[in-house]
Amino acid sequence: MAPPWGHLTAVDLGTRKVLWREVLGTARDTGLFGSHLGVPLKTGVPNLGGSIITAGGLAFIGATTDQYLRAFDLSTGKVVWKARLPAGAQATPMTYRGRDGRQYVVITAGGHGALGTRYGDYTLAYALPRT
């Protein structure tokens, strides 16, 4: 089967229409045929983990094998932010509001043996911009 092998898709639940569909992930850390060349080809990759949606119109997902946490704009499907993680984040992010009033997104990056992502023992929090 030709790439892309992974997508993130937004569906309008009222109309059941696909709003957008974007390739999710690159071959940076798990290259084609086990090559691990570090080339960030936008192939889409197997992913394991869910996404969350913020009231501000962002979808966060960190399920890919290329070890990034990404934020997608819900209206366009474009990546508006991403952060490189120290290990695979085959997990669903969470969000909370801190005592300082800011919203934070948290992801655990522990890796996954079957997907071949780097192992680790990390929990990372990112502050969203003040509104």
C-alpha atoms as a PDB file:
ATOM      1  CA  MET A   1       0.000   0.000   0.000  1.00  0.00           C
ATOM      2  CA  ALA A   2       1.404   3.379  -0.969  1.00  0.00           C
ATOM      3  CA  PRO A   3       1.822   6.154   1.609  1.00  0.00           C
ATOM      4  CA  PRO A   4       0.466   8.041   3.412  1.00  0.00           C
ATOM      5  CA  TRP A   5       0.000   5.472   6.172  1.00  0.00           C
ATOM      6  CA  GLY A   6      -1.463   7.737   8.840  1.00  0.00           C
ATOM      7  CA  HIS A   7      -3.946  10.619   8.853  1.00  0.00           C
ATOM      8  CA  LEU A   8      -5.728  12.896  11.282  1.00  0.00           C
ATOM      9  CA  THR A   9      -9.275  13.530  10.079  1.00  0.00           C
ATOM     10  CA  ALA A  10     -11.869  16.035  11.289  1.00  0.00           C
ATOM     11  CA  VAL A  11     -15.525  15.129  10.815  1.00  0.00           C
ATOM     12  CA  ASP A  12     -18.560  17.365  11.328  1.00  0.00           C
ATOM     13  CA  LEU A  13     -20.756  15.123  13.479  1.00  0.00           C
ATOM     14  CA  GLY A  14     -23.903  17.031  12.479  1.00  0.00           C
ATOM     15  CA  THR A  15     -23.485  16.615   8.728  1.00  0.00           C
ATOM     16  CA  ARG A  16     -21.185  13.558   8.817  1.00  0.00           C
ATOM     17  CA  LYS A  17     -18.924  15.281   6.294  1.00  0.00           C
ATOM     18  CA  VAL A  18     -15.128  15.208   6.395  1.00  0.00           C
ATOM     19  CA  LEU A  19     -13.933  18.757   7.091  1.00  0.00           C
ATOM     20  CA  TRP A  20     -10.249  18.045   6.488  1.00  0.00           C
ATOM     21  CA  ARG A  21      -7.759  15.216   6.419  1.00  0.00           C
ATOM     22  CA  GLU A  22      -4.055  15.735   7.035  1.00  0.00           C
ATOM     23  CA  VAL A  23      -1.097  13.373   6.812  1.00  0.00           C
ATOM     24  CA  LEU A  24      -0.001  12.547  10.370  1.00  0.00           C
ATOM     25  CA  GLY A  25       3.675  11.943  11.033  1.00  0.00           C
ATOM     26  CA  THR A  26       6.977  11.538   9.232  1.00  0.00           C
ATOM     27  CA  ALA A  27       9.523   8.779   8.697  1.00  0.00           C
ATOM     28  CA  ARG A  28      12.104  10.654  10.807  1.00  0.00           C
ATOM     29  CA  ASP A  29      12.488   8.024  13.552  1.00  0.00           C
ATOM     30  CA  THR A  30      11.060   4.907  11.947  1.00  0.00           C
ATOM     31  CA  GLY A  31      12.227   5.033   8.363  1.00  0.00           C
ATOM     32  CA  LEU A  32      10.933   2.977   5.511  1.00  0.00           C
ATOM     33  CA  PHE A  33      11.848  -0.700   5.706  1.00  0.00           C
ATOM     34  CA  GLY A  34      13.662  -0.189   9.027  1.00  0.00           C
ATOM     35  CA  SER A  35      16.177   2.266   7.539  1.00  0.00           C
ATOM     36  CA  HIS A  36      16.109   4.845  10.414  1.00  0.00           C
ATOM     37  CA  LEU A  37      17.825   7.443   8.221  1.00  0.00           C
ATOM     38  CA  GLY A  38      16.365  10.386  10.129  1.00  0.00           C
ATOM     39  CA  VAL A  39      14.732  11.823   7.018  1.00  0.00           C
ATOM     40  CA  PRO A  40      11.478  13.640   7.905  1.00  0.00           C
ATOM     41  CA  LEU A  41       9.508  12.494   4.846  1.00  0.00           C
ATOM     42  CA  LYS A  42       5.815  13.289   5.326  1.00  0.00           C
ATOM     43  CA  THR A  43       4.682   9.693   4.844  1.00  0.00           C
ATOM     44  CA  GLY A  44       2.124   9.452   7.596  1.00  0.00           C
ATOM     45  CA  VAL A  45       2.957   6.803  10.155  1.00  0.00           C
ATOM     46  CA  PRO A  46       1.226   4.237  12.321  1.00  0.00           C
ATOM     47  CA  ASN A  47      -0.078   5.961  15.411  1.00  0.00           C
ATOM     48  CA  LEU A  48      -1.365   4.859  18.768  1.00  0.00           C
ATOM     49  CA  GLY A  49      -3.054   7.345  21.068  1.00  0.00           C
ATOM     50  CA  GLY A  50      -5.912   9.772  20.927  1.00  0.00           C
ATOM     51  CA  SER A  51      -6.246  13.494  20.439  1.00  0.00           C
ATOM     52  CA  ILE A  52      -7.781  16.208  22.574  1.00  0.00           C
ATOM     53  CA  ILE A  53      -9.533  19.384  21.482  1.00  0.00           C
ATOM     54  CA  THR A  54      -9.308  22.716  23.292  1.00  0.00           C
ATOM     55  CA  ALA A  55     -11.987  25.389  23.507  1.00  0.00           C
ATOM     56  CA  GLY A  56      -9.573  27.634  21.601  1.00  0.00           C
ATOM     57  CA  GLY A  57      -9.883  25.483  18.475  1.00  0.00           C
ATOM     58  CA  LEU A  58      -6.771  23.313  18.625  1.00  0.00           C
ATOM     59  CA  ALA A  59      -6.427  19.538  18.382  1.00  0.00           C
ATOM     60  CA  PHE A  60      -3.370  18.102  20.166  1.00  0.00           C
ATOM     61  CA  ILE A  61      -2.023  14.649  19.303  1.00  0.00           C
ATOM     62  CA  GLY A  62       1.227  12.871  20.149  1.00  0.00           C
ATOM     63  CA  ALA A  63       0.505   9.325  18.930  1.00  0.00           C
ATOM     64  CA  THR A  64       2.979   9.160  16.051  1.00  0.00           C
ATOM     65  CA  THR A  65       6.194   7.176  15.763  1.00  0.00           C
ATOM     66  CA  ASP A  66       8.215  10.317  14.931  1.00  0.00           C
ATOM     67  CA  GLN A  67       8.068  11.542  18.538  1.00  0.00           C
ATOM     68  CA  TYR A  68       6.306  14.879  18.180  1.00  0.00           C
ATOM     69  CA  LEU A  69       3.404  16.472  19.976  1.00  0.00           C
ATOM     70  CA  ARG A  70       1.469  18.509  17.422  1.00  0.00           C
ATOM     71  CA  ALA A  71      -1.292  21.114  17.567  1.00  0.00           C
ATOM     72  CA  PHE A  72      -3.639  21.329  14.578  1.00  0.00           C
ATOM     73  CA  ASP A  73      -5.921  24.274  13.828  1.00  0.00           C
ATOM     74  CA  LEU A  74      -9.446  22.825  13.873  1.00  0.00           C
ATOM     75  CA  SER A  75     -10.717  25.124  11.143  1.00  0.00           C
ATOM     76  CA  THR A  76      -7.956  24.405   8.604  1.00  0.00           C
ATOM     77  CA  GLY A  77      -6.250  21.171   9.672  1.00  0.00           C
ATOM     78  CA  LYS A  78      -2.830  22.792   9.481  1.00  0.00           C
ATOM     79  CA  VAL A  79      -0.123  22.180  12.075  1.00  0.00           C
ATOM     80  CA  VAL A  80       0.297  25.425  14.021  1.00  0.00           C
ATOM     81  CA  TRP A  81       2.796  24.130  16.607  1.00  0.00           C
ATOM     82  CA  LYS A  82       4.884  21.056  17.321  1.00  0.00           C
ATOM     83  CA  ALA A  83       7.446  19.968  19.892  1.00  0.00           C
ATOM     84  CA  ARG A  84      10.036  17.200  19.619  1.00  0.00           C
ATOM     85  CA  LEU A  85       9.679  14.694  22.443  1.00  0.00           C
ATOM     86  CA  PRO A  86      12.499  12.699  24.082  1.00  0.00           C
ATOM     87  CA  ALA A  87      10.657   9.379  23.585  1.00  0.00           C
ATOM     88  CA  GLY A  88       7.600   7.994  21.836  1.00  0.00           C
ATOM     89  CA  ALA A  89       4.308   9.436  23.068  1.00  0.00           C
ATOM     90  CA  GLN A  90       1.861   6.651  22.358  1.00  0.00           C
ATOM     91  CA  ALA A  91      -0.642   8.238  24.717  1.00  0.00           C
ATOM     92  CA  THR A  92      -3.506  10.701  24.706  1.00  0.00           C
ATOM     93  CA  PRO A  93      -2.560  14.188  25.944  1.00  0.00           C
ATOM     94  CA  MET A  94      -4.476  15.890  28.740  1.00  0.00           C
ATOM     95  CA  THR A  95      -5.068  19.512  29.596  1.00  0.00           C
ATOM     96  CA  TYR A  96      -5.562  21.504  32.780  1.00  0.00           C
ATOM     97  CA  ARG A  97      -5.747  25.112  33.957  1.00  0.00           C
ATOM     98  CA  GLY A  98      -2.947  26.072  36.323  1.00  0.00           C
ATOM     99  CA  ARG A  99      -3.155  28.275  39.403  1.00  0.00           C
ATOM    100  CA  ASP A 100      -1.727  31.032  37.235  1.00  0.00           C
ATOM    101  CA  GLY A 101      -4.850  30.868  35.042  1.00  0.00           C
ATOM    102  CA  ARG A 102      -3.002  29.496  32.016  1.00  0.00           C
ATOM    103  CA  GLN A 103      -4.018  26.370  30.164  1.00  0.00           C
ATOM    104  CA  TYR A 104      -1.442  23.570  29.921  1.00  0.00           C
ATOM    105  CA  VAL A 105      -1.219  20.496  27.716  1.00  0.00           C
ATOM    106  CA  VAL A 106       0.546  17.464  29.209  1.00  0.00           C
ATOM    107  CA  ILE A 107       1.842  14.338  27.458  1.00  0.00           C
ATOM    108  CA  THR A 108       3.591  11.240  28.759  1.00  0.00           C
ATOM    109  CA  ALA A 109       6.386   9.906  26.550  1.00  0.00           C
ATOM    110  CA  GLY A 110       7.311   6.351  27.462  1.00  0.00           C
ATOM    111  CA  GLY A 111       7.861   4.688  24.105  1.00  0.00           C
ATOM    112  CA  HIS A 112       6.306   1.572  22.621  1.00  0.00           C
ATOM    113  CA  GLY A 113       8.071  -1.687  21.834  1.00  0.00           C
ATOM    114  CA  ALA A 114       5.846  -2.915  18.999  1.00  0.00           C
ATOM    115  CA  LEU A 115       5.922   0.483  17.239  1.00  0.00           C
ATOM    116  CA  GLY A 116       9.684   0.803  17.690  1.00  0.00           C
ATOM    117  CA  THR A 117       9.685   4.213  19.352  1.00  0.00           C
ATOM    118  CA  ARG A 118      12.385   5.284  21.788  1.00  0.00           C
ATOM    119  CA  TYR A 119      11.738   4.286  25.390  1.00  0.00           C
ATOM    120  CA  GLY A 120      11.691   6.857  28.155  1.00  0.00           C
ATOM    121  CA  ASP A 121      10.056   7.934  31.361  1.00  0.00           C
ATOM    122  CA  TYR A 122       8.921  11.498  30.738  1.00  0.00           C
ATOM    123  CA  THR A 123       5.910  13.656  31.460  1.00  0.00           C
ATOM    124  CA  LEU A 124       6.054  17.053  29.768  1.00  0.00           C
ATOM    125  CA  ALA A 125       3.782  20.083  30.171  1.00  0.00           C
ATOM    126  CA  TYR A 126       3.430  22.945  27.685  1.00  0.00           C
ATOM    127  CA  ALA A 127       1.767  26.271  28.473  1.00  0.00           C
ATOM    128  CA  LEU A 128      -0.654  27.641  25.925  1.00  0.00           C
ATOM    129  CA  PRO A 129      -0.375  31.359  25.151  1.00  0.00           C
ATOM    130  CA  ARG A 130      -2.225  33.749  27.430  1.00  0.00           C
ATOM    131  CA  THR A 131      -5.468  35.038  25.959  1.00  0.00           C
END
